[in-house]
Amino acid sequence: MNVENSVIPTQTQMAEFLMPGPDGSIFMVNLLKFKDQASYEDNRETELTGKEAYAIYSEGVTKTLSQVGGKVVFSGDVSRLMLGEVEELWDCVAIAQYPSRASMLEMMQLKEYQAIAVHRSAGLAGQLNIETTDTQGMF
């Protein structure tokens, strides 16, 4: 299995995201890898770590999530790998619930979201976003 962290979706991934999604809520599992030092595209000087810059984004995204009927379901630091093998662990896992794929797209287009997204890209070395749906207690 090849694992590739990214900050921006590929054209194929974005095209698939824009397609009609499943009925009902989606849960976006975010596996986050932070930069040691935040790095802004506008080259501003900062003493922030990647995690600190992402925390600014996280605070703002919680508010924009609620504007579209979504919420953060879980967020926590990765402490160790229990099963399997990867070259490098992610730093944090977060799960966000959206009423639909369309509501996630709506959130991404909000002015408030656009204003905070700069902190996301400044703080992240990469991430995996995994879209999931409720399996009605299959676990």
C-alpha atoms as a PDB file:
ATOM      1  CA  MET A   1       0.000   0.000   0.000  1.00  0.00           C
ATOM      2  CA  ASN A   2       1.361   3.381  -1.016  1.00  0.00           C
ATOM      3  CA  VAL A   3       0.455   6.197   1.405  1.00  0.00           C
ATOM      4  CA  GLU A   4       0.866   9.773   0.212  1.00  0.00           C
ATOM      5  CA  ASN A   5       0.031  12.741   2.439  1.00  0.00           C
ATOM      6  CA  SER A   6      -1.258  15.788   0.598  1.00  0.00           C
ATOM      7  CA  VAL A   7      -2.771  19.169   1.380  1.00  0.00           C
ATOM      8  CA  ILE A   8      -4.619  19.765  -1.919  1.00  0.00           C
ATOM      9  CA  PRO A   9      -6.818  17.125  -3.610  1.00  0.00           C
ATOM     10  CA  THR A  10      -5.923  15.874  -7.081  1.00  0.00           C
ATOM     11  CA  GLN A  11      -8.157  16.826 -10.012  1.00  0.00           C
ATOM     12  CA  THR A  12      -9.658  13.322  -9.951  1.00  0.00           C
ATOM     13  CA  GLN A  13     -10.336  13.481  -6.219  1.00  0.00           C
ATOM     14  CA  MET A  14     -11.985  16.898  -6.549  1.00  0.00           C
ATOM     15  CA  ALA A  15     -14.109  15.751  -9.505  1.00  0.00           C
ATOM     16  CA  GLU A  16     -15.304  12.740  -7.470  1.00  0.00           C
ATOM     17  CA  PHE A  17     -16.037  15.011  -4.494  1.00  0.00           C
ATOM     18  CA  LEU A  18     -18.218  17.241  -6.687  1.00  0.00           C
ATOM     19  CA  MET A  19     -20.352  14.273  -7.757  1.00  0.00           C
ATOM     20  CA  PRO A  20     -23.596  13.657  -5.850  1.00  0.00           C
ATOM     21  CA  GLY A  21     -22.730  11.884  -2.619  1.00  0.00           C
ATOM     22  CA  PRO A  22     -24.446   9.236  -0.595  1.00  0.00           C
ATOM     23  CA  ASP A  23     -27.756  10.038   1.060  1.00  0.00           C
ATOM     24  CA  GLY A  24     -27.388  11.262   4.609  1.00  0.00           C
ATOM     25  CA  SER A  25     -24.416  12.263   6.692  1.00  0.00           C
ATOM     26  CA  ILE A  26     -20.805  11.734   5.816  1.00  0.00           C
ATOM     27  CA  PHE A  27     -17.982  11.476   8.313  1.00  0.00           C
ATOM     28  CA  MET A  28     -14.615  12.826   7.188  1.00  0.00           C
ATOM     29  CA  VAL A  29     -11.708  11.083   8.904  1.00  0.00           C
ATOM     30  CA  ASN A  30      -8.695  13.413   8.890  1.00  0.00           C
ATOM     31  CA  LEU A  31      -5.215  11.975   9.478  1.00  0.00           C
ATOM     32  CA  LEU A  32      -3.007  15.013  10.050  1.00  0.00           C
ATOM     33  CA  LYS A  33       0.763  15.459   9.797  1.00  0.00           C
ATOM     34  CA  PHE A  34       2.063  18.835  10.989  1.00  0.00           C
ATOM     35  CA  LYS A  35       5.072  20.814   9.829  1.00  0.00           C
ATOM     36  CA  ASP A  36       7.667  21.457  12.523  1.00  0.00           C
ATOM     37  CA  GLN A  37       7.463  25.191  11.749  1.00  0.00           C
ATOM     38  CA  ALA A  38       4.408  26.873  10.203  1.00  0.00           C
ATOM     39  CA  SER A  39       5.052  28.185   6.728  1.00  0.00           C
ATOM     40  CA  TYR A  40       2.631  30.675   5.173  1.00  0.00           C
ATOM     41  CA  GLU A  41       2.296  31.101   1.410  1.00  0.00           C
ATOM     42  CA  ASP A  42       2.526  34.901   1.766  1.00  0.00           C
ATOM     43  CA  ASN A  43       5.952  34.437   3.461  1.00  0.00           C
ATOM     44  CA  ARG A  44       4.871  36.161   6.679  1.00  0.00           C
ATOM     45  CA  GLU A  45       7.216  35.835   9.608  1.00  0.00           C
ATOM     46  CA  THR A  46       5.900  33.520  12.320  1.00  0.00           C
ATOM     47  CA  GLU A  47       7.074  31.696  15.390  1.00  0.00           C
ATOM     48  CA  LEU A  48       4.144  29.270  15.208  1.00  0.00           C
ATOM     49  CA  THR A  49       4.662  25.557  14.940  1.00  0.00           C
ATOM     50  CA  GLY A  50       2.625  23.705  12.354  1.00  0.00           C
ATOM     51  CA  LYS A  51       0.387  22.362  15.101  1.00  0.00           C
ATOM     52  CA  GLU A  52      -0.219  25.874  16.479  1.00  0.00           C
ATOM     53  CA  ALA A  53      -1.121  27.235  13.022  1.00  0.00           C
ATOM     54  CA  TYR A  54      -3.480  24.316  12.451  1.00  0.00           C
ATOM     55  CA  ALA A  55      -5.076  24.987  15.870  1.00  0.00           C
ATOM     56  CA  ILE A  56      -6.061  28.461  14.604  1.00  0.00           C
ATOM     57  CA  TYR A  57      -7.684  26.799  11.585  1.00  0.00           C
ATOM     58  CA  SER A  58      -9.324  24.165  13.787  1.00  0.00           C
ATOM     59  CA  GLU A  59     -10.966  26.762  16.019  1.00  0.00           C
ATOM     60  CA  GLY A  60     -12.383  28.564  13.004  1.00  0.00           C
ATOM     61  CA  VAL A  61     -13.460  25.421  11.161  1.00  0.00           C
ATOM     62  CA  THR A  62     -15.501  24.314  14.170  1.00  0.00           C
ATOM     63  CA  LYS A  63     -17.553  27.496  13.763  1.00  0.00           C
ATOM     64  CA  THR A  64     -17.974  27.119  10.001  1.00  0.00           C
ATOM     65  CA  LEU A  65     -18.939  23.463  10.446  1.00  0.00           C
ATOM     66  CA  SER A  66     -21.827  24.502  12.670  1.00  0.00           C
ATOM     67  CA  GLN A  67     -22.992  27.013  10.028  1.00  0.00           C
ATOM     68  CA  VAL A  68     -23.669  24.122   7.626  1.00  0.00           C
ATOM     69  CA  GLY A  69     -25.061  21.732  10.245  1.00  0.00           C
ATOM     70  CA  GLY A  70     -21.832  19.810  10.828  1.00  0.00           C
ATOM     71  CA  LYS A  71     -19.736  19.157  13.899  1.00  0.00           C
ATOM     72  CA  VAL A  72     -16.436  17.756  15.116  1.00  0.00           C
ATOM     73  CA  VAL A  73     -17.114  14.230  16.386  1.00  0.00           C
ATOM     74  CA  PHE A  74     -13.599  13.423  17.615  1.00  0.00           C
ATOM     75  CA  SER A  75     -10.120  14.920  17.755  1.00  0.00           C
ATOM     76  CA  GLY A  76      -7.036  13.455  19.382  1.00  0.00           C
ATOM     77  CA  ASP A  77      -3.271  13.123  19.180  1.00  0.00           C
ATOM     78  CA  VAL A  78      -1.841   9.885  17.792  1.00  0.00           C
ATOM     79  CA  SER A  79       0.118   8.135  20.527  1.00  0.00           C
ATOM     80  CA  ARG A  80       1.239   4.897  18.901  1.00  0.00           C
ATOM     81  CA  LEU A  81       0.474   2.312  16.248  1.00  0.00           C
ATOM     82  CA  MET A  82      -1.491  -0.634  17.641  1.00  0.00           C
ATOM     83  CA  LEU A  83      -1.689  -2.757  14.502  1.00  0.00           C
ATOM     84  CA  GLY A  84      -0.091  -2.716  11.081  1.00  0.00           C
ATOM     85  CA  GLU A  85       2.939  -0.906   9.824  1.00  0.00           C
ATOM     86  CA  VAL A  86       3.587   2.529   8.321  1.00  0.00           C
ATOM     87  CA  GLU A  87       6.797   4.424   7.750  1.00  0.00           C
ATOM     88  CA  GLU A  88       5.658   7.406   9.798  1.00  0.00           C
ATOM     89  CA  LEU A  89       2.642   8.004  12.043  1.00  0.00           C
ATOM     90  CA  TRP A  90       0.281  10.919  11.673  1.00  0.00           C
ATOM     91  CA  ASP A  91       0.260  13.461  14.487  1.00  0.00           C
ATOM     92  CA  CYS A  92      -3.478  13.822  15.005  1.00  0.00           C
ATOM     93  CA  VAL A  93      -6.799  12.263  14.006  1.00  0.00           C
ATOM     94  CA  ALA A  94      -9.994  14.276  13.676  1.00  0.00           C
ATOM     95  CA  ILE A  95     -13.442  13.201  12.542  1.00  0.00           C
ATOM     96  CA  ALA A  96     -15.967  15.741  11.277  1.00  0.00           C
ATOM     97  CA  GLN A  97     -19.609  14.980  10.532  1.00  0.00           C
ATOM     98  CA  TYR A  98     -21.411  16.786   7.704  1.00  0.00           C
ATOM     99  CA  PRO A  99     -25.131  16.487   6.871  1.00  0.00           C
ATOM    100  CA  SER A 100     -24.052  15.696   3.284  1.00  0.00           C
ATOM    101  CA  ARG A 101     -21.141  15.962   0.894  1.00  0.00           C
ATOM    102  CA  ALA A 102     -22.848  19.098  -0.501  1.00  0.00           C
ATOM    103  CA  SER A 103     -22.753  20.731   2.950  1.00  0.00           C
ATOM    104  CA  MET A 104     -18.992  20.185   3.131  1.00  0.00           C
ATOM    105  CA  LEU A 105     -18.616  21.903  -0.232  1.00  0.00           C
ATOM    106  CA  GLU A 106     -20.876  24.711   0.999  1.00  0.00           C
ATOM    107  CA  MET A 107     -18.641  25.178   4.054  1.00  0.00           C
ATOM    108  CA  MET A 108     -15.507  25.325   1.921  1.00  0.00           C
ATOM    109  CA  GLN A 109     -17.042  28.188  -0.070  1.00  0.00           C
ATOM    110  CA  LEU A 110     -17.915  30.337   2.977  1.00  0.00           C
ATOM    111  CA  LYS A 111     -15.952  33.604   3.325  1.00  0.00           C
ATOM    112  CA  GLU A 112     -15.152  32.647   6.910  1.00  0.00           C
ATOM    113  CA  TYR A 113     -13.685  29.332   5.800  1.00  0.00           C
ATOM    114  CA  GLN A 114     -11.638  30.939   3.035  1.00  0.00           C
ATOM    115  CA  ALA A 115     -10.156  33.342   5.607  1.00  0.00           C
ATOM    116  CA  ILE A 116      -8.945  30.563   7.933  1.00  0.00           C
ATOM    117  CA  ALA A 117      -7.798  28.057   5.285  1.00  0.00           C
ATOM    118  CA  VAL A 118      -4.422  29.819   5.116  1.00  0.00           C
ATOM    119  CA  HIS A 119      -3.636  28.443   8.598  1.00  0.00           C
ATOM    120  CA  ARG A 120      -4.461  24.894   7.469  1.00  0.00           C
ATOM    121  CA  SER A 121      -1.958  24.956   4.618  1.00  0.00           C
ATOM    122  CA  ALA A 122       0.625  26.764   6.780  1.00  0.00           C
ATOM    123  CA  GLY A 123       0.452  24.100   9.461  1.00  0.00           C
ATOM    124  CA  LEU A 124       0.078  20.858   7.541  1.00  0.00           C
ATOM    125  CA  ALA A 125       2.874  18.844   6.007  1.00  0.00           C
ATOM    126  CA  GLY A 126       0.088  16.656   4.646  1.00  0.00           C
ATOM    127  CA  GLN A 127      -3.031  14.749   5.480  1.00  0.00           C
ATOM    128  CA  LEU A 128      -5.346  11.994   4.401  1.00  0.00           C
ATOM    129  CA  ASN A 129      -9.075  12.726   4.254  1.00  0.00           C
ATOM    130  CA  ILE A 130     -11.180   9.581   4.220  1.00  0.00           C
ATOM    131  CA  GLU A 131     -14.889   9.992   3.494  1.00  0.00           C
ATOM    132  CA  THR A 132     -17.048   7.470   5.329  1.00  0.00           C
ATOM    133  CA  THR A 133     -20.741   6.821   5.829  1.00  0.00           C
ATOM    134  CA  ASP A 134     -22.596   5.296   8.762  1.00  0.00           C
ATOM    135  CA  THR A 135     -22.762   1.500   8.526  1.00  0.00           C
ATOM    136  CA  GLN A 136     -25.536   1.201  11.107  1.00  0.00           C
ATOM    137  CA  GLY A 137     -23.481  -0.427  13.849  1.00  0.00           C
ATOM    138  CA  MET A 138     -21.433  -2.773  11.632  1.00  0.00           C
ATOM    139  CA  PHE A 139     -18.280  -2.375  13.749  1.00  0.00           C
END
